[in-house]
Amino acid sequence: MVEDTDRYGRTVGRVWAGTVDVNAELIRRGAAWVYRQYNRDPALPRLEAEARRARRGLWALPASEQVPPWEWRSNGGRASATPSRPPASPTAALPQSRSGGGFSCGSKRYCTQMTSCAEAQFHFRQCGLARLDGDRDGVPCERLCR
């Protein structure tokens, strides 16, 4: 079922196989991420959270290997040390004990205030600063993250 057309002219929609909502089933099985920027279905983030808690599919991988497709594409789709998996995200290598790499929400709001891609990604993902992704491609502060 076609729901929209994105800015590149691609069709955006839901896929059904008989009575099965394939989009929801992929999320439920841990085989896909919810792309929150375009998601209109409040059930999908709940299904993703359930899959995470149950460690199904990609959520069974080590955290460093749980790379959203938009991050993987922003890295040029380069192969990582493990050939069949996408590269780890830049923020995945930060020590967990540093609470977001030492960054905190509320301190910065614009790309011009960021000093690294990791900092921009933290503010974009953890603080919800959608404005950091001016062209809405899932990559914040392109001058730092390209």
C-alpha atoms as a PDB file:
ATOM      1  CA  MET A   1       0.000   0.000   0.000  1.00  0.00           C
ATOM      2  CA  VAL A   2       1.610   3.271  -1.133  1.00  0.00           C
ATOM      3  CA  GLU A   3       1.690   5.896   1.628  1.00  0.00           C
ATOM      4  CA  ASP A   4       3.973   8.584   0.257  1.00  0.00           C
ATOM      5  CA  THR A   5       6.786   9.499  -2.125  1.00  0.00           C
ATOM      6  CA  ASP A   6      10.083  10.609  -0.589  1.00  0.00           C
ATOM      7  CA  ARG A   7      12.141  13.582  -1.699  1.00  0.00           C
ATOM      8  CA  TYR A   8      14.030  11.371  -4.168  1.00  0.00           C
ATOM      9  CA  GLY A   9      10.816  10.254  -5.869  1.00  0.00           C
ATOM     10  CA  ARG A  10      10.878   6.793  -4.288  1.00  0.00           C
ATOM     11  CA  THR A  11       7.656   5.112  -3.221  1.00  0.00           C
ATOM     12  CA  VAL A  12       7.191   4.768   0.534  1.00  0.00           C
ATOM     13  CA  GLY A  13       4.595   2.341   1.817  1.00  0.00           C
ATOM     14  CA  ARG A  14       3.531  -0.790   3.637  1.00  0.00           C
ATOM     15  CA  VAL A  15       4.069  -4.256   2.229  1.00  0.00           C
ATOM     16  CA  TRP A  16       1.415  -6.896   2.794  1.00  0.00           C
ATOM     17  CA  ALA A  17       1.630 -10.633   2.065  1.00  0.00           C
ATOM     18  CA  GLY A  18      -1.997 -11.673   2.327  1.00  0.00           C
ATOM     19  CA  THR A  19      -3.006 -10.569   5.817  1.00  0.00           C
ATOM     20  CA  VAL A  20       0.574 -10.224   7.110  1.00  0.00           C
ATOM     21  CA  ASP A  21       1.986  -6.704   7.523  1.00  0.00           C
ATOM     22  CA  VAL A  22       5.542  -7.431   6.358  1.00  0.00           C
ATOM     23  CA  ASN A  23       6.892  -4.126   7.719  1.00  0.00           C
ATOM     24  CA  ALA A  24       5.647  -4.920  11.237  1.00  0.00           C
ATOM     25  CA  GLU A  25       6.764  -8.541  11.009  1.00  0.00           C
ATOM     26  CA  LEU A  26      10.328  -7.546  10.071  1.00  0.00           C
ATOM     27  CA  ILE A  27      10.459  -5.176  13.065  1.00  0.00           C
ATOM     28  CA  ARG A  28       8.931  -7.815  15.366  1.00  0.00           C
ATOM     29  CA  ARG A  29      11.574 -10.379  14.324  1.00  0.00           C
ATOM     30  CA  GLY A  30      14.444  -7.932  14.788  1.00  0.00           C
ATOM     31  CA  ALA A  31      15.190  -7.955  11.063  1.00  0.00           C
ATOM     32  CA  ALA A  32      14.656  -4.218  10.510  1.00  0.00           C
ATOM     33  CA  TRP A  33      14.909  -0.842  12.222  1.00  0.00           C
ATOM     34  CA  VAL A  34      12.120   1.677  12.599  1.00  0.00           C
ATOM     35  CA  TYR A  35      13.117   4.785  10.677  1.00  0.00           C
ATOM     36  CA  ARG A  36      11.533   7.228  13.100  1.00  0.00           C
ATOM     37  CA  GLN A  37      11.906  10.249  10.862  1.00  0.00           C
ATOM     38  CA  TYR A  38       9.269   8.897   8.455  1.00  0.00           C
ATOM     39  CA  ASN A  39       7.365   6.464  10.665  1.00  0.00           C
ATOM     40  CA  ARG A  40       3.660   7.190  11.119  1.00  0.00           C
ATOM     41  CA  ASP A  41       2.697   3.963  12.888  1.00  0.00           C
ATOM     42  CA  PRO A  42       2.967   4.167  16.698  1.00  0.00           C
ATOM     43  CA  ALA A  43       2.962   0.357  16.918  1.00  0.00           C
ATOM     44  CA  LEU A  44       6.311  -0.043  15.133  1.00  0.00           C
ATOM     45  CA  PRO A  45       8.533   1.544  17.830  1.00  0.00           C
ATOM     46  CA  ARG A  46       6.793  -0.669  20.413  1.00  0.00           C
ATOM     47  CA  LEU A  47       7.507  -3.757  18.300  1.00  0.00           C
ATOM     48  CA  GLU A  48      11.137  -2.684  17.977  1.00  0.00           C
ATOM     49  CA  ALA A  49      11.449  -2.199  21.748  1.00  0.00           C
ATOM     50  CA  GLU A  50       9.950  -5.649  22.292  1.00  0.00           C
ATOM     51  CA  ALA A  51      12.432  -7.216  19.846  1.00  0.00           C
ATOM     52  CA  ARG A  52      15.301  -5.409  21.614  1.00  0.00           C
ATOM     53  CA  ARG A  53      14.211  -6.689  25.040  1.00  0.00           C
ATOM     54  CA  ALA A  54      13.894 -10.229  23.676  1.00  0.00           C
ATOM     55  CA  ARG A  55      17.247  -9.886  21.845  1.00  0.00           C
ATOM     56  CA  ARG A  56      15.714 -11.089  18.579  1.00  0.00           C
ATOM     57  CA  GLY A  57      17.463 -10.770  15.240  1.00  0.00           C
ATOM     58  CA  LEU A  58      19.893  -7.876  14.993  1.00  0.00           C
ATOM     59  CA  TRP A  59      19.334  -7.096  18.684  1.00  0.00           C
ATOM     60  CA  ALA A  60      21.177 -10.326  19.543  1.00  0.00           C
ATOM     61  CA  LEU A  61      24.349  -8.861  18.003  1.00  0.00           C
ATOM     62  CA  PRO A  62      26.927  -7.067  20.153  1.00  0.00           C
ATOM     63  CA  ALA A  63      25.990  -3.391  20.512  1.00  0.00           C
ATOM     64  CA  SER A  64      28.983  -2.370  18.381  1.00  0.00           C
ATOM     65  CA  GLU A  65      27.494  -4.325  15.466  1.00  0.00           C
ATOM     66  CA  GLN A  66      23.967  -2.920  15.773  1.00  0.00           C
ATOM     67  CA  VAL A  67      24.402  -0.223  13.133  1.00  0.00           C
ATOM     68  CA  PRO A  68      21.296   1.471  11.719  1.00  0.00           C
ATOM     69  CA  PRO A  69      21.188   1.409   7.912  1.00  0.00           C
ATOM     70  CA  TRP A  70      21.321   5.211   7.685  1.00  0.00           C
ATOM     71  CA  GLU A  71      24.609   5.206   9.646  1.00  0.00           C
ATOM     72  CA  TRP A  72      26.004   2.385   7.544  1.00  0.00           C
ATOM     73  CA  ARG A  73      25.123   4.277   4.339  1.00  0.00           C
ATOM     74  CA  SER A  74      26.692   7.456   5.708  1.00  0.00           C
ATOM     75  CA  ASN A  75      29.945   5.497   6.075  1.00  0.00           C
ATOM     76  CA  GLY A  76      29.798   4.647   2.392  1.00  0.00           C
ATOM     77  CA  GLY A  77      28.756   1.055   3.044  1.00  0.00           C
ATOM     78  CA  ARG A  78      32.374   0.110   3.560  1.00  0.00           C
ATOM     79  CA  ALA A  79      33.064  -3.397   4.816  1.00  0.00           C
ATOM     80  CA  SER A  80      34.172  -3.721   8.407  1.00  0.00           C
ATOM     81  CA  ALA A  81      36.606  -6.143  10.023  1.00  0.00           C
ATOM     82  CA  THR A  82      33.794  -8.697   9.885  1.00  0.00           C
ATOM     83  CA  PRO A  83      33.078  -8.838   6.150  1.00  0.00           C
ATOM     84  CA  SER A  84      29.381  -9.754   6.381  1.00  0.00           C
ATOM     85  CA  ARG A  85      28.492  -6.951   8.783  1.00  0.00           C
ATOM     86  CA  PRO A  86      28.399  -3.164   8.386  1.00  0.00           C
ATOM     87  CA  PRO A  87      31.025  -1.074  10.183  1.00  0.00           C
ATOM     88  CA  ALA A  88      30.481  -0.122  13.793  1.00  0.00           C
ATOM     89  CA  SER A  89      29.127   3.370  14.352  1.00  0.00           C
ATOM     90  CA  PRO A  90      31.619   5.988  15.571  1.00  0.00           C
ATOM     91  CA  THR A  91      29.749   6.312  18.868  1.00  0.00           C
ATOM     92  CA  ALA A  92      29.747   2.554  19.495  1.00  0.00           C
ATOM     93  CA  ALA A  93      33.446   2.598  20.374  1.00  0.00           C
ATOM     94  CA  LEU A  94      32.967   5.101  23.200  1.00  0.00           C
ATOM     95  CA  PRO A  95      33.257   3.618  26.686  1.00  0.00           C
ATOM     96  CA  GLN A  96      29.819   3.015  28.195  1.00  0.00           C
ATOM     97  CA  SER A  97      30.897   4.498  31.496  1.00  0.00           C
ATOM     98  CA  ARG A  98      31.371   7.922  29.913  1.00  0.00           C
ATOM     99  CA  SER A  99      27.622   8.384  29.463  1.00  0.00           C
ATOM    100  CA  GLY A 100      27.377   9.380  25.847  1.00  0.00           C
ATOM    101  CA  GLY A 101      31.067  10.114  25.410  1.00  0.00           C
ATOM    102  CA  GLY A 102      30.952  12.887  27.977  1.00  0.00           C
ATOM    103  CA  PHE A 103      28.266  14.807  26.065  1.00  0.00           C
ATOM    104  CA  SER A 104      25.087  16.085  27.679  1.00  0.00           C
ATOM    105  CA  CYS A 105      21.759  17.168  26.257  1.00  0.00           C
ATOM    106  CA  GLY A 106      20.816  20.817  26.441  1.00  0.00           C
ATOM    107  CA  SER A 107      24.320  22.208  26.167  1.00  0.00           C
ATOM    108  CA  LYS A 108      24.439  22.581  22.359  1.00  0.00           C
ATOM    109  CA  ARG A 109      21.776  22.969  19.699  1.00  0.00           C
ATOM    110  CA  TYR A 110      23.473  23.702  16.352  1.00  0.00           C
ATOM    111  CA  CYS A 111      26.083  22.053  14.108  1.00  0.00           C
ATOM    112  CA  THR A 112      28.342  25.076  14.463  1.00  0.00           C
ATOM    113  CA  GLN A 113      28.609  24.242  18.174  1.00  0.00           C
ATOM    114  CA  MET A 114      29.681  20.616  17.587  1.00  0.00           C
ATOM    115  CA  THR A 115      33.340  19.647  17.582  1.00  0.00           C
ATOM    116  CA  SER A 116      33.062  16.076  16.251  1.00  0.00           C
ATOM    117  CA  CYS A 117      30.796  13.693  14.396  1.00  0.00           C
ATOM    118  CA  ALA A 118      30.363  11.645  17.589  1.00  0.00           C
ATOM    119  CA  GLU A 119      29.124  14.726  19.414  1.00  0.00           C
ATOM    120  CA  ALA A 120      26.710  15.596  16.587  1.00  0.00           C
ATOM    121  CA  GLN A 121      25.391  12.023  16.518  1.00  0.00           C
ATOM    122  CA  PHE A 122      24.903  12.039  20.285  1.00  0.00           C
ATOM    123  CA  HIS A 123      22.852  15.251  20.169  1.00  0.00           C
ATOM    124  CA  PHE A 124      20.895  14.043  17.136  1.00  0.00           C
ATOM    125  CA  ARG A 125      20.042  10.578  18.482  1.00  0.00           C
ATOM    126  CA  GLN A 126      20.057  10.941  22.251  1.00  0.00           C
ATOM    127  CA  CYS A 127      18.764  14.500  22.588  1.00  0.00           C
ATOM    128  CA  GLY A 128      16.366  14.449  19.651  1.00  0.00           C
ATOM    129  CA  LEU A 129      17.845  17.449  17.835  1.00  0.00           C
ATOM    130  CA  ALA A 130      16.356  16.749  14.394  1.00  0.00           C
ATOM    131  CA  ARG A 131      17.509  20.199  13.198  1.00  0.00           C
ATOM    132  CA  LEU A 132      21.068  18.801  13.028  1.00  0.00           C
ATOM    133  CA  ASP A 133      19.986  16.770   9.987  1.00  0.00           C
ATOM    134  CA  GLY A 134      19.163  19.638   7.648  1.00  0.00           C
ATOM    135  CA  ASP A 135      18.624  17.474   4.564  1.00  0.00           C
ATOM    136  CA  ARG A 136      16.786  14.725   6.503  1.00  0.00           C
ATOM    137  CA  ASP A 137      19.014  11.893   5.297  1.00  0.00           C
ATOM    138  CA  GLY A 138      19.704  10.496   8.776  1.00  0.00           C
ATOM    139  CA  VAL A 139      23.198  12.040   8.972  1.00  0.00           C
ATOM    140  CA  PRO A 140      23.612  14.994  11.340  1.00  0.00           C
ATOM    141  CA  CYS A 141      26.037  17.837  10.626  1.00  0.00           C
ATOM    142  CA  GLU A 142      27.305  16.595   7.265  1.00  0.00           C
ATOM    143  CA  ARG A 143      30.455  18.746   7.379  1.00  0.00           C
ATOM    144  CA  LEU A 144      31.561  16.771  10.467  1.00  0.00           C
ATOM    145  CA  CYS A 145      30.165  13.341   9.586  1.00  0.00           C
ATOM    146  CA  ARG A 146      31.203  12.913   5.947  1.00  0.00           C
END
